[in-house]
Amino acid sequence: MLIGLNIKNFALIQELSVEFGAGFNILSGETGAGKSILIDTIDYVLGGKFSKDLIRYGEEKTYVEAIFSIENKEIYEILDQLGIEKDELLIITRETTIFGKSFIKVNGRTIVLSQLKRIREKLLDIHGQHQNQNLLNKGTHILYLDEFYMDKLEGLLSQFDSLRNRHIELLEKLNRLKGNEDREKLVDYIKFQIDDIEKANLKVGEEEALKEEFNLLNNAEKISLSLSKSYSYLHNSNEGISVLEGLSKVITELSSVEGHLDKIKNRRVEIEEAYYVIEEASREIRDIGDEIYYDENELAKINERIYQIDIYKRKYGNSIEDILENLKNLREQYEELTNSEVIINKLKEELDLLKSEMRKVGEKIHIIRVEAAEILQKSIKEELSYVGLEKARIKIEVELCEDFNQYGYDDVQFLVSANPGEPLKPLEKVLSGGELSRIMLALKCVFVDKDRIPTLIFDEIDTGISGAIGKRVGEKMYQVSTKHQVLCITHLPQIAALSDNHYFVSKKIKDNKTFTGIKILPKDEKVKEIAKMIGGDEISSVALENASEMVKFADLKKDEIKKNHI
């Protein structure tokens, strides 16, 4: 959900901060005050197109910060993939200079535009005169249809996707085998690499063991001398007795008097234990010293082997493990190439079987999609009739094709006839921006329980409508707002009356400069603003009374919608 915006030097806005609430948020104000500019700031901060005209006149750069609460786990997955710190809030900032340089940050981490657009897809939809590209893109129509009937389609779509991935894998393997024009040269080269690695007879852990042994032999004289001196200090006497002899005498002396004092006995026991430990250690020092000797030939051999391993690491991998993994892959590649004809035939057979299985699953998906299309058409038609497009016809065309795509074998397209007697045509060829927004609203009402995008923005969806139809459009938007946050720019009092939060956008001129401002209206001011929508700037008592009644009836309608849809 969009919690707030902080804006600096964007078009008519010098500096502005605004917080948005959940539910149905209305933006109203006089023409040219800057309502659509607020929507433009949201579009901009989420990766929309930039124009120098967006920077306030006389300024060097523009800056927008948008703050969202995260309610969609898919957002967390994208943040993980992009290495962005996760928090309860998502803070997105975009700054652009007059020279066109843009800086985008998400939770403090700088990202690029393509990454931002991935996040946007899960955060927010904008629907307006020129911002329904998603609906106009024929490639998305199959997604709308599948989402509507996902409970019945999910298992089959998952099965088809697994088969398609296997098909891609086998086809790549087949093309690789068939496409090797210099196969014999490649076979010879791979065989040379295999022989070369096998000749080295490398073993995991060998390099570490050799380096340890090299270090030991290289320092043999120093180690041997040190051990010899240590043993000597323990056993040979410099002052008449050795360390061990001295400890033995101390033990004898303490034993002779320990019967007279318990504390002496405890100390005698400790020294006696130390004596046995030191005695055992001295024997091990002597034995280790006997084992160590300097062998110049052995040292040279080890050094040569380490050097040889180094050469193989430079040629075939960063470690012996990598080299042996490379050897395994080379053997598999060699096997494929030397038996390519047999493998190619097997792959072709497997691909034929796989395509047959894919077709069977694809036809099952097609049958369900045709069934879904009929039901969805009816649902959309009902919604369209309610918002004043009762004469429009909609058809969801599901064509079974010969070739498959990532969703099966179907080509899906939404076709519409806006007026009686007109043929069905693709959406973008027959609809005005206002009609298209109402189509989108109808779809959102149908998908209200399935759509996971938390925030929807409708920019002047009321274009070309009024009265009872305007009221119906408002009710449908309110219905959507029971499950999503909705922001809507409107000039219609029937829609404004249904708002949970009403924002008034205004402009003022100071020192020959225009400034846009925004404030949230308390209920009494909301009623006055609706009265202005009804009767103009001069608010009559009749208009005020009508506005008050309109808000009262809207509140009752909201309670009814909540009861039916929450």
Protein backbone atom coordinates (compact mmCIF):
# COMPACT_ATOMS: atom_id res chain seq x y z
CA MET A 1 0.00 0.00 0.00
CA LEU A 2 1.19 3.53 -0.82
CA ILE A 3 1.66 5.30 2.52
CA GLY A 4 3.09 8.61 1.40
CA LEU A 5 4.91 10.83 -1.08
CA ASN A 6 7.61 13.46 -0.62
CA ILE A 7 8.05 15.62 -3.72
CA LYS A 8 10.47 18.41 -4.63
CA ASN A 9 10.55 20.53 -7.80
CA PHE A 10 8.22 18.37 -9.88
CA ALA A 11 6.25 20.38 -12.48
CA LEU A 12 4.05 22.83 -10.49
CA ILE A 13 5.04 21.28 -7.16
CA GLN A 14 7.86 23.05 -5.33
CA GLU A 15 7.79 20.94 -2.18
CA LEU A 16 4.96 18.73 -0.97
CA SER A 17 4.41 15.82 1.40
CA VAL A 18 1.24 13.77 1.56
CA GLU A 19 0.14 10.63 3.39
CA PHE A 20 -2.43 8.22 1.95
CA GLY A 21 -4.77 5.90 3.80
CA ALA A 22 -6.21 2.49 3.08
CA GLY A 23 -9.49 2.03 1.22
CA PHE A 24 -10.95 4.51 -1.25
CA ASN A 25 -8.92 7.73 -1.66
CA ILE A 26 -10.39 10.53 -3.77
CA LEU A 27 -8.44 13.47 -5.24
CA SER A 28 -10.45 16.45 -6.41
CA GLY A 29 -9.78 20.08 -7.26
CA GLU A 30 -10.13 22.60 -10.03
CA THR A 31 -8.85 21.83 -13.52
CA GLY A 32 -5.11 22.53 -13.76
CA ALA A 33 -4.54 22.43 -10.01
CA GLY A 34 -2.15 19.49 -10.32
CA LYS A 35 -4.20 16.37 -9.58
CA SER A 36 -2.77 14.43 -12.52
CA ILE A 37 0.69 15.77 -11.65
CA LEU A 38 0.47 13.79 -8.39
CA ILE A 39 -0.24 10.65 -10.39
CA ASP A 40 2.66 11.57 -12.66
CA THR A 41 4.99 11.73 -9.63
CA ILE A 42 3.97 8.19 -8.67
CA ASP A 43 4.51 6.99 -12.23
CA TYR A 44 7.90 8.76 -12.33
CA VAL A 45 9.23 7.42 -9.02
CA LEU A 46 8.26 3.89 -10.10
CA GLY A 47 10.23 4.07 -13.35
CA GLY A 48 7.95 5.98 -15.71
CA LYS A 49 9.26 8.00 -18.63
CA PHE A 50 11.14 11.18 -17.81
CA SER A 51 10.93 14.51 -19.61
CA LYS A 52 12.84 17.69 -18.76
CA ASP A 53 9.43 19.40 -18.54
CA LEU A 54 8.84 17.46 -15.31
CA ILE A 55 11.51 19.53 -13.54
CA ARG A 56 10.02 22.70 -12.07
CA TYR A 57 10.96 25.74 -14.13
CA GLY A 58 14.18 27.35 -12.90
CA GLU A 59 15.34 24.28 -10.90
CA GLU A 60 18.25 21.92 -11.63
CA LYS A 61 16.66 18.63 -10.58
CA THR A 62 13.51 16.91 -9.41
CA TYR A 63 13.14 14.42 -6.53
CA VAL A 64 10.33 12.08 -5.49
CA GLU A 65 10.22 9.65 -2.57
CA ALA A 66 7.43 7.05 -2.31
CA ILE A 67 6.86 5.02 0.85
CA PHE A 68 5.00 1.71 0.71
CA SER A 69 4.01 -0.83 3.33
CA ILE A 70 4.83 -4.33 2.05
CA GLU A 71 1.92 -6.79 2.05
CA ASN A 72 2.93 -8.97 -0.88
CA LYS A 73 5.42 -11.84 -0.36
CA GLU A 74 6.34 -11.63 -4.06
CA ILE A 75 7.90 -8.23 -3.31
CA TYR A 76 10.12 -9.85 -0.67
CA GLU A 77 11.23 -12.46 -3.22
CA ILE A 78 12.21 -9.74 -5.73
CA LEU A 79 14.06 -7.77 -3.01
CA ASP A 80 15.97 -10.94 -2.11
CA GLN A 81 16.94 -11.49 -5.74
CA LEU A 82 18.13 -7.88 -6.06
CA GLY A 83 20.04 -7.96 -2.77
CA ILE A 84 17.90 -5.18 -1.25
CA GLU A 85 17.42 -4.98 2.51
CA LYS A 86 13.93 -6.11 3.56
CA ASP A 87 11.85 -4.12 6.01
CA GLU A 88 8.18 -3.51 6.80
CA LEU A 89 8.46 -0.35 4.69
CA LEU A 90 9.67 -0.02 1.12
CA ILE A 91 11.19 3.40 0.41
CA ILE A 92 11.77 4.21 -3.26
CA THR A 93 13.48 7.44 -4.34
CA ARG A 94 14.24 8.82 -7.78
CA GLU A 95 16.17 11.97 -8.58
CA THR A 96 16.79 13.32 -12.08
CA THR A 97 18.89 16.32 -13.10
CA ILE A 98 18.12 18.71 -15.92
CA PHE A 99 20.84 16.91 -17.90
CA GLY A 100 18.87 13.66 -17.73
CA LYS A 101 20.96 11.78 -15.14
CA SER A 102 18.77 9.63 -12.90
CA PHE A 103 19.53 8.13 -9.49
CA ILE A 104 17.18 5.44 -8.17
CA LYS A 105 17.35 3.92 -4.68
CA VAL A 106 15.25 1.26 -2.96
CA ASN A 107 15.71 1.06 0.82
CA GLY A 108 18.99 2.93 0.37
CA ARG A 109 20.41 0.65 -2.34
CA THR A 110 21.03 2.06 -5.81
CA ILE A 111 19.34 0.09 -8.59
CA VAL A 112 18.73 0.47 -12.32
CA LEU A 113 15.47 1.23 -14.11
CA SER A 114 14.83 -2.35 -15.28
CA GLN A 115 15.09 -3.60 -11.68
CA LEU A 116 12.70 -0.88 -10.47
CA LYS A 117 10.12 -1.92 -13.06
CA ARG A 118 10.20 -5.48 -11.69
CA ILE A 119 9.25 -4.11 -8.27
CA ARG A 120 6.59 -1.79 -9.73
CA GLU A 121 4.72 -4.71 -11.33
CA LYS A 122 3.96 -6.09 -7.85
CA LEU A 123 3.19 -2.75 -6.17
CA LEU A 124 0.79 -0.66 -8.16
CA ASP A 125 -1.36 -0.30 -11.29
CA ILE A 126 -2.22 3.04 -12.89
CA HIS A 127 -5.28 3.20 -15.15
CA GLY A 128 -6.00 6.37 -17.09
CA GLN A 129 -6.30 7.87 -20.53
CA HIS A 130 -2.92 6.56 -21.68
CA GLN A 131 -1.89 4.12 -18.98
CA ASN A 132 -3.71 0.87 -19.70
CA GLN A 133 -0.87 -0.61 -21.72
CA ASN A 134 -1.10 -3.84 -19.76
CA LEU A 135 -4.66 -4.45 -20.89
CA LEU A 136 -3.86 -3.36 -24.45
CA ASN A 137 -1.01 -5.87 -24.65
CA LYS A 138 -2.54 -8.96 -26.21
CA GLY A 139 0.18 -11.09 -24.62
CA THR A 140 -1.29 -10.43 -21.16
CA HIS A 141 -4.84 -11.55 -22.04
CA ILE A 142 -4.04 -15.23 -21.49
CA LEU A 143 -2.77 -14.31 -18.00
CA TYR A 144 -6.06 -12.60 -17.11
CA LEU A 145 -8.00 -15.65 -18.27
CA ASP A 146 -5.76 -18.12 -16.43
CA GLU A 147 -5.86 -16.08 -13.21
CA PHE A 148 -9.66 -16.21 -13.30
CA TYR A 149 -9.70 -20.03 -13.47
CA MET A 150 -6.37 -20.76 -11.76
CA ASP A 151 -7.89 -23.24 -9.29
CA LYS A 152 -8.68 -25.62 -12.19
CA LEU A 153 -5.68 -24.74 -14.37
CA GLU A 154 -2.80 -24.61 -11.90
CA GLY A 155 -1.96 -28.34 -11.87
CA LEU A 156 -2.09 -28.71 -15.66
CA LEU A 157 -0.09 -25.51 -16.23
CA SER A 158 2.59 -26.76 -13.84
CA GLN A 159 2.67 -30.14 -15.64
CA PHE A 160 2.93 -28.44 -19.04
CA ASP A 161 5.71 -26.14 -17.79
CA SER A 162 7.78 -29.14 -16.62
CA LEU A 163 7.31 -30.86 -19.99
CA ARG A 164 8.19 -27.65 -21.87
CA ASN A 165 11.38 -27.16 -19.84
CA ARG A 166 12.40 -30.75 -20.60
CA HIS A 167 11.64 -30.13 -24.30
CA ILE A 168 13.89 -27.04 -24.31
CA GLU A 169 16.67 -28.98 -22.60
CA LEU A 170 16.51 -31.87 -25.11
CA LEU A 171 16.24 -29.55 -28.10
CA GLU A 172 19.33 -27.62 -27.01
CA LYS A 173 21.21 -30.90 -26.63
CA LEU A 174 20.07 -32.09 -30.06
CA ASN A 175 21.03 -28.81 -31.75
CA ARG A 176 24.41 -28.90 -30.06
CA LEU A 177 25.10 -32.39 -31.39
CA LYS A 178 23.80 -31.66 -34.89
CA GLY A 179 25.51 -28.28 -35.11
CA ASN A 180 29.09 -29.43 -34.61
CA GLU A 181 30.52 -29.05 -38.13
CA ASP A 182 34.09 -29.51 -36.85
CA ARG A 183 33.09 -32.52 -34.80
CA GLU A 184 36.23 -34.57 -35.51
CA LYS A 185 38.53 -31.71 -34.48
CA LEU A 186 36.47 -31.16 -31.35
CA VAL A 187 36.53 -34.89 -30.50
CA ASP A 188 40.33 -34.95 -30.88
CA TYR A 189 40.74 -31.88 -28.72
CA ILE A 190 38.45 -33.21 -25.99
CA LYS A 191 40.28 -36.58 -26.07
CA PHE A 192 43.61 -34.78 -25.71
CA GLN A 193 42.29 -32.91 -22.64
CA ILE A 194 40.95 -36.12 -21.10
CA ASP A 195 44.26 -37.95 -21.65
CA ASP A 196 46.23 -35.01 -20.32
CA ILE A 197 44.23 -34.81 -17.09
CA GLU A 198 44.15 -38.59 -16.60
CA LYS A 199 47.94 -38.74 -17.09
CA ALA A 200 48.39 -36.41 -14.12
CA ASN A 201 46.62 -38.93 -11.85
CA LEU A 202 45.36 -36.16 -9.57
CA LYS A 203 43.72 -36.97 -6.26
CA VAL A 204 41.51 -34.83 -4.03
CA GLY A 205 43.52 -33.56 -1.04
CA GLU A 206 46.84 -34.38 -2.70
CA GLU A 207 48.00 -30.79 -3.07
CA GLU A 208 47.42 -29.94 0.60
CA ALA A 209 49.28 -33.10 1.75
CA LEU A 210 52.23 -32.32 -0.57
CA LYS A 211 52.51 -28.75 0.69
CA GLU A 212 52.48 -29.99 4.28
CA GLU A 213 55.20 -32.55 3.54
CA PHE A 214 57.24 -29.99 1.59
CA ASN A 215 57.09 -27.60 4.53
CA LEU A 216 58.23 -30.38 6.88
CA LEU A 217 61.19 -31.48 4.73
CA ASN A 218 62.19 -27.93 3.89
CA ASN A 219 62.50 -27.21 7.65
CA ALA A 220 63.75 -30.68 8.70
CA GLU A 221 67.11 -29.53 10.08
CA LYS A 222 65.59 -26.74 12.13
CA ILE A 223 62.81 -29.02 13.50
CA SER A 224 65.28 -31.85 14.32
CA LEU A 225 67.63 -29.49 16.17
CA SER A 226 64.78 -27.94 18.16
CA LEU A 227 63.42 -31.37 19.21
CA SER A 228 66.91 -32.57 20.16
CA LYS A 229 67.50 -29.55 22.37
CA SER A 230 64.09 -29.95 24.00
CA TYR A 231 64.79 -33.59 24.85
CA SER A 232 68.21 -32.66 26.16
CA TYR A 233 66.79 -29.97 28.43
CA LEU A 234 64.46 -32.53 29.96
CA HIS A 235 67.03 -35.35 30.43
CA ASN A 236 70.57 -33.92 30.51
CA SER A 237 71.80 -32.11 33.55
CA ASN A 238 73.35 -28.65 33.40
CA GLU A 239 73.30 -28.11 37.16
CA GLY A 240 73.92 -31.67 38.33
CA ILE A 241 70.42 -33.04 37.72
CA SER A 242 67.92 -33.04 34.79
CA VAL A 243 64.36 -31.61 34.90
CA LEU A 244 62.83 -35.05 35.36
CA GLU A 245 65.39 -36.05 38.00
CA GLY A 246 64.68 -32.83 39.87
CA LEU A 247 60.95 -33.48 39.81
CA SER A 248 61.54 -37.04 41.07
CA LYS A 249 63.55 -35.78 44.02
CA VAL A 250 60.87 -33.18 44.81
CA ILE A 251 58.26 -35.96 44.86
CA THR A 252 60.42 -38.08 47.21
CA GLU A 253 60.96 -35.16 49.61
CA LEU A 254 57.27 -34.21 49.72
CA SER A 255 56.24 -37.85 50.23
CA SER A 256 58.40 -38.01 53.33
CA VAL A 257 56.56 -35.17 55.05
CA GLU A 258 53.07 -35.23 53.58
CA GLY A 259 51.75 -37.23 56.54
CA HIS A 260 52.17 -34.14 58.69
CA LEU A 261 50.24 -31.71 56.44
CA ASP A 262 47.40 -32.47 53.98
CA LYS A 263 48.24 -29.43 51.83
CA ILE A 264 51.65 -30.91 51.04
CA LYS A 265 50.06 -34.16 49.88
CA ASN A 266 47.86 -32.30 47.40
CA ARG A 267 50.87 -30.49 45.94
CA ARG A 268 52.84 -33.77 45.76
CA VAL A 269 50.02 -35.40 43.76
CA GLU A 270 49.94 -32.51 41.31
CA ILE A 271 53.74 -32.58 40.77
CA GLU A 272 53.67 -36.35 40.37
CA GLU A 273 51.01 -36.07 37.64
CA ALA A 274 53.10 -33.40 35.92
CA TYR A 275 56.14 -35.70 36.10
CA TYR A 276 54.37 -38.51 34.21
CA VAL A 277 52.99 -36.08 31.61
CA ILE A 278 56.44 -34.57 30.99
CA GLU A 279 58.05 -38.02 30.88
CA GLU A 280 55.56 -39.19 28.22
CA ALA A 281 56.00 -35.96 26.24
CA SER A 282 59.77 -36.29 26.29
CA ARG A 283 59.56 -39.83 24.83
CA GLU A 284 57.29 -38.56 22.01
CA ILE A 285 59.71 -35.66 21.30
CA ARG A 286 62.55 -38.19 21.02
CA ASP A 287 60.54 -40.48 18.69
CA ILE A 288 59.42 -37.59 16.45
CA GLY A 289 63.00 -36.36 16.22
CA ASP A 290 64.14 -39.83 15.15
CA GLU A 291 61.60 -39.83 12.31
CA ILE A 292 62.61 -36.48 10.82
CA TYR A 293 65.50 -36.30 8.42
CA TYR A 294 66.39 -34.07 5.48
CA ASP A 295 66.10 -35.77 2.07
CA GLU A 296 67.09 -33.45 -0.78
CA ASN A 297 65.83 -35.82 -3.52
CA GLU A 298 62.43 -36.27 -1.88
CA LEU A 299 62.10 -32.50 -1.46
CA ALA A 300 62.84 -31.96 -5.15
CA LYS A 301 60.23 -34.55 -6.16
CA ILE A 302 57.56 -32.95 -4.01
CA ASN A 303 58.40 -29.50 -5.36
CA GLU A 304 58.13 -30.83 -8.92
CA ARG A 305 54.72 -32.41 -8.21
CA ILE A 306 53.38 -29.16 -6.69
CA TYR A 307 54.59 -27.26 -9.77
CA GLN A 308 52.90 -29.81 -12.06
CA ILE A 309 49.59 -29.47 -10.17
CA ASP A 310 49.88 -25.68 -10.52
CA ILE A 311 50.16 -26.02 -14.31
CA TYR A 312 47.02 -28.21 -14.43
CA LYS A 313 45.13 -25.71 -12.26
CA ARG A 314 45.97 -22.92 -14.71
CA LYS A 315 44.75 -25.08 -17.62
CA TYR A 316 41.70 -26.87 -16.25
CA GLY A 317 40.41 -25.36 -12.99
CA ASN A 318 41.13 -23.50 -9.76
CA SER A 319 41.52 -26.64 -7.67
CA ILE A 320 41.99 -30.40 -8.05
CA GLU A 321 38.26 -30.78 -7.34
CA ASP A 322 37.48 -28.39 -10.22
CA ILE A 323 39.87 -30.23 -12.54
CA LEU A 324 38.30 -33.61 -11.76
CA GLU A 325 34.79 -32.14 -12.27
CA ASN A 326 35.99 -30.77 -15.61
CA LEU A 327 37.32 -34.23 -16.47
CA LYS A 328 33.91 -35.74 -15.74
CA ASN A 329 32.20 -33.21 -18.03
CA LEU A 330 34.76 -33.77 -20.78
CA ARG A 331 34.19 -37.54 -20.65
CA GLU A 332 30.41 -36.99 -20.95
CA GLN A 333 30.92 -34.60 -23.87
CA TYR A 334 33.31 -37.05 -25.53
CA GLU A 335 30.80 -39.85 -25.08
CA GLU A 336 28.07 -37.71 -26.64
CA LEU A 337 30.18 -36.74 -29.64
CA THR A 338 31.60 -40.19 -30.36
CA ASN A 339 28.10 -41.68 -30.15
CA SER A 340 26.28 -38.67 -31.58
CA GLU A 341 24.27 -40.51 -34.24
CA VAL A 342 22.85 -42.96 -31.72
CA ILE A 343 22.20 -40.19 -29.20
CA ILE A 344 20.58 -37.94 -31.86
CA ASN A 345 18.15 -40.70 -32.81
CA LYS A 346 17.30 -41.35 -29.16
CA LEU A 347 16.79 -37.63 -28.57
CA LYS A 348 14.46 -37.37 -31.57
CA GLU A 349 12.41 -40.30 -30.29
CA GLU A 350 12.21 -38.76 -26.82
CA LEU A 351 11.24 -35.37 -28.28
CA ASP A 352 8.43 -36.94 -30.32
CA LEU A 353 7.05 -38.65 -27.22
CA LEU A 354 7.44 -35.45 -25.23
CA LYS A 355 5.61 -33.35 -27.84
CA SER A 356 2.79 -35.89 -27.90
CA GLU A 357 2.46 -35.65 -24.11
CA MET A 358 2.62 -31.83 -24.27
CA ARG A 359 -0.15 -31.79 -26.86
CA LYS A 360 -2.39 -33.95 -24.66
CA VAL A 361 -1.87 -31.66 -21.68
CA GLY A 362 -2.27 -28.57 -23.91
CA GLU A 363 -5.63 -29.81 -25.23
CA LYS A 364 -6.86 -30.38 -21.66
CA ILE A 365 -5.81 -26.81 -20.82
CA HIS A 366 -7.60 -25.56 -23.95
CA ILE A 367 -10.90 -27.19 -22.95
CA ILE A 368 -10.75 -25.57 -19.49
CA ARG A 369 -9.81 -22.18 -20.97
CA VAL A 370 -12.79 -22.27 -23.35
CA GLU A 371 -15.02 -23.03 -20.38
CA ALA A 372 -13.37 -20.23 -18.36
CA ALA A 373 -13.74 -17.77 -21.25
CA GLU A 374 -17.52 -18.31 -21.35
CA ILE A 375 -17.91 -17.69 -17.64
CA LEU A 376 -15.50 -14.73 -17.60
CA GLN A 377 -17.24 -13.11 -20.59
CA LYS A 378 -20.53 -13.27 -18.74
CA SER A 379 -19.03 -11.84 -15.53
CA ILE A 380 -17.32 -8.97 -17.37
CA LYS A 381 -20.48 -8.24 -19.34
CA GLU A 382 -22.47 -7.88 -16.12
CA GLU A 383 -19.89 -5.49 -14.71
CA LEU A 384 -19.75 -3.48 -17.95
CA SER A 385 -23.51 -3.11 -18.00
CA TYR A 386 -23.43 -1.80 -14.44
CA VAL A 387 -20.89 0.93 -15.30
CA GLY A 388 -22.78 2.21 -18.34
CA LEU A 389 -21.39 0.03 -21.12
CA GLU A 390 -24.45 -2.21 -21.42
CA LYS A 391 -24.35 -2.07 -25.22
CA ALA A 392 -20.75 -3.25 -25.39
CA ARG A 393 -20.05 -6.85 -26.36
CA ILE A 394 -16.97 -8.69 -25.19
CA LYS A 395 -15.60 -11.97 -26.48
CA ILE A 396 -12.61 -13.87 -25.18
CA GLU A 397 -11.25 -15.73 -28.16
CA VAL A 398 -9.31 -18.92 -27.32
CA GLU A 399 -7.65 -20.42 -30.40
CA LEU A 400 -5.88 -23.79 -30.29
CA CYS A 401 -2.66 -23.44 -32.31
CA GLU A 402 -0.29 -25.97 -33.83
CA ASP A 403 2.77 -24.61 -32.07
CA PHE A 404 3.10 -24.27 -28.33
CA ASN A 405 4.14 -21.27 -26.25
CA GLN A 406 5.07 -20.95 -22.60
CA TYR A 407 1.39 -21.21 -21.58
CA GLY A 408 0.34 -24.13 -23.78
CA TYR A 409 -1.05 -24.22 -27.32
CA ASP A 410 -3.58 -21.40 -26.95
CA ASP A 411 -3.69 -17.89 -28.37
CA VAL A 412 -6.02 -15.73 -26.24
CA GLN A 413 -7.38 -12.31 -27.17
CA PHE A 414 -10.02 -10.05 -25.66
CA LEU A 415 -12.26 -8.59 -28.40
CA VAL A 416 -14.81 -5.80 -27.88
CA SER A 417 -17.57 -4.11 -29.81
CA ALA A 418 -18.38 -0.79 -28.14
CA ASN A 419 -21.54 -0.09 -30.16
CA PRO A 420 -24.35 -2.18 -31.67
CA GLY A 421 -23.67 -3.21 -35.27
CA GLU A 422 -19.91 -2.78 -34.91
CA PRO A 423 -17.72 -5.87 -35.40
CA LEU A 424 -15.62 -7.28 -32.58
CA LYS A 425 -12.15 -5.75 -32.64
CA PRO A 426 -9.04 -5.77 -30.43
CA LEU A 427 -9.38 -3.47 -27.42
CA GLU A 428 -6.94 -0.78 -28.50
CA LYS A 429 -8.78 -0.23 -31.80
CA VAL A 430 -12.25 0.42 -30.47
CA LEU A 431 -12.09 2.05 -27.07
CA SER A 432 -11.52 5.58 -25.81
CA GLY A 433 -9.42 6.12 -22.70
CA GLY A 434 -12.51 6.49 -20.48
CA GLU A 435 -14.13 3.34 -21.87
CA LEU A 436 -10.87 1.44 -21.49
CA SER A 437 -10.59 2.51 -17.85
CA ARG A 438 -14.11 1.24 -17.21
CA ILE A 439 -13.23 -2.06 -18.92
CA MET A 440 -10.25 -2.25 -16.56
CA LEU A 441 -12.49 -1.46 -13.59
CA ALA A 442 -14.89 -4.23 -14.68
CA LEU A 443 -11.99 -6.67 -14.83
CA LYS A 444 -10.72 -5.56 -11.42
CA CYS A 445 -14.18 -6.17 -9.96
CA VAL A 446 -14.22 -9.68 -11.43
CA PHE A 447 -10.70 -10.35 -10.12
CA VAL A 448 -11.03 -8.48 -6.81
CA ASP A 449 -10.43 -11.62 -4.72
CA LYS A 450 -7.57 -12.91 -6.89
CA ASP A 451 -5.58 -9.79 -7.81
CA ARG A 452 -2.45 -9.49 -5.63
CA ILE A 453 -1.46 -5.93 -6.64
CA PRO A 454 -2.20 -3.88 -3.50
CA THR A 455 -2.69 -0.37 -4.95
CA LEU A 456 -4.77 0.76 -7.95
CA ILE A 457 -4.93 4.29 -9.35
CA PHE A 458 -7.74 5.51 -11.61
CA ASP A 459 -6.98 8.81 -13.32
CA GLU A 460 -10.23 10.52 -14.42
CA ILE A 461 -12.04 7.26 -15.07
CA ASP A 462 -15.28 9.29 -15.06
CA THR A 463 -14.54 10.95 -18.43
CA GLY A 464 -17.73 11.10 -20.49
CA ILE A 465 -20.08 9.81 -17.78
CA SER A 466 -22.33 11.43 -15.19
CA GLY A 467 -25.35 10.90 -12.96
CA ALA A 468 -26.44 7.34 -12.23
CA ILE A 469 -23.59 5.78 -14.23
CA GLY A 470 -21.07 7.87 -12.31
CA LYS A 471 -22.59 6.59 -9.06
CA ARG A 472 -22.29 2.99 -10.29
CA VAL A 473 -18.67 3.50 -11.33
CA GLY A 474 -17.96 4.88 -7.86
CA GLU A 475 -19.64 1.91 -6.20
CA LYS A 476 -17.53 -0.50 -8.27
CA MET A 477 -14.35 1.33 -7.34
CA TYR A 478 -15.39 1.22 -3.71
CA GLN A 479 -15.99 -2.52 -4.07
CA VAL A 480 -12.42 -2.91 -5.34
CA SER A 481 -11.17 -0.77 -2.43
CA THR A 482 -12.49 -3.32 0.09
CA LYS A 483 -9.59 -5.57 -0.94
CA HIS A 484 -7.12 -3.02 -2.37
CA GLN A 485 -6.02 0.54 -1.80
CA VAL A 486 -7.63 2.73 -4.50
CA LEU A 487 -6.63 6.28 -5.49
CA CYS A 488 -8.99 8.07 -7.89
CA ILE A 489 -9.03 11.51 -9.51
CA THR A 490 -12.63 12.54 -10.13
CA HIS A 491 -14.87 15.48 -10.95
CA LEU A 492 -18.07 13.62 -10.08
CA PRO A 493 -19.77 14.21 -6.70
CA GLN A 494 -21.38 10.74 -6.89
CA ILE A 495 -17.90 9.15 -6.82
CA ALA A 496 -16.38 11.61 -4.31
CA ALA A 497 -19.20 10.93 -1.82
CA LEU A 498 -18.05 7.31 -1.49
CA SER A 499 -14.50 8.18 -0.40
CA ASP A 500 -12.86 6.94 2.78
CA ASN A 501 -10.31 9.77 2.46
CA HIS A 502 -10.89 12.91 0.38
CA TYR A 503 -7.86 14.97 -0.73
CA PHE A 504 -8.27 18.45 -2.14
CA VAL A 505 -5.63 19.63 -4.62
CA SER A 506 -5.27 23.37 -5.14
CA LYS A 507 -2.90 25.87 -6.69
CA LYS A 508 -1.87 29.38 -5.79
CA ILE A 509 0.16 32.02 -7.57
CA LYS A 510 2.85 33.93 -5.68
CA ASP A 511 5.53 36.19 -7.14
CA ASN A 512 4.36 35.20 -10.61
CA LYS A 513 4.97 31.49 -9.85
CA THR A 514 2.42 28.68 -9.53
CA PHE A 515 2.44 26.34 -6.53
CA THR A 516 0.41 23.13 -6.08
CA GLY A 517 -0.75 22.04 -2.64
CA ILE A 518 -2.82 19.19 -1.19
CA LYS A 519 -4.74 18.60 2.03
CA ILE A 520 -7.03 15.91 3.39
CA LEU A 521 -10.56 17.17 4.06
CA PRO A 522 -12.46 16.51 7.28
CA LYS A 523 -16.06 15.39 6.78
CA ASP A 524 -17.62 18.88 6.89
CA GLU A 525 -15.15 20.23 4.30
CA LYS A 526 -15.68 17.10 2.21
CA VAL A 527 -19.39 17.93 2.10
CA LYS A 528 -18.59 21.51 1.01
CA GLU A 529 -16.26 20.26 -1.75
CA ILE A 530 -18.97 17.89 -3.03
CA ALA A 531 -21.43 20.83 -2.93
CA LYS A 532 -19.00 22.76 -5.19
CA MET A 533 -18.93 19.80 -7.56
CA ILE A 534 -22.72 19.92 -7.69
CA GLY A 535 -23.35 23.66 -7.98
CA GLY A 536 -20.05 25.43 -8.66
CA ASP A 537 -17.93 27.74 -6.49
CA GLU A 538 -20.97 29.59 -5.09
CA ILE A 539 -22.27 27.06 -2.57
CA SER A 540 -26.02 27.34 -2.11
CA SER A 541 -27.89 25.90 0.84
CA VAL A 542 -29.63 23.51 -1.58
CA ALA A 543 -26.29 22.24 -2.95
CA LEU A 544 -24.96 21.86 0.59
CA GLU A 545 -28.05 19.93 1.64
CA ASN A 546 -27.82 17.73 -1.47
CA ALA A 547 -24.12 17.07 -0.79
CA SER A 548 -24.86 16.14 2.83
CA GLU A 549 -27.61 13.74 1.73
CA MET A 550 -25.34 12.29 -0.95
CA VAL A 551 -22.62 11.54 1.63
CA LYS A 552 -25.19 10.04 4.02
CA PHE A 553 -26.60 7.70 1.34
CA ALA A 554 -23.04 6.88 0.17
CA ASP A 555 -22.13 5.79 3.72
CA LEU A 556 -25.12 3.43 3.76
CA LYS A 557 -24.09 2.05 0.37
CA LYS A 558 -20.52 1.55 1.59
CA ASP A 559 -21.79 -0.47 4.57
CA GLU A 560 -23.82 -2.61 2.18
CA ILE A 561 -20.83 -3.19 -0.14
CA LYS A 562 -18.58 -4.08 2.81
CA LYS A 563 -21.15 -6.56 4.09
CA ASN A 564 -21.32 -8.27 0.68
CA HIS A 565 -17.62 -8.24 -0.25
CA ILE A 566 -15.50 -8.49 2.90
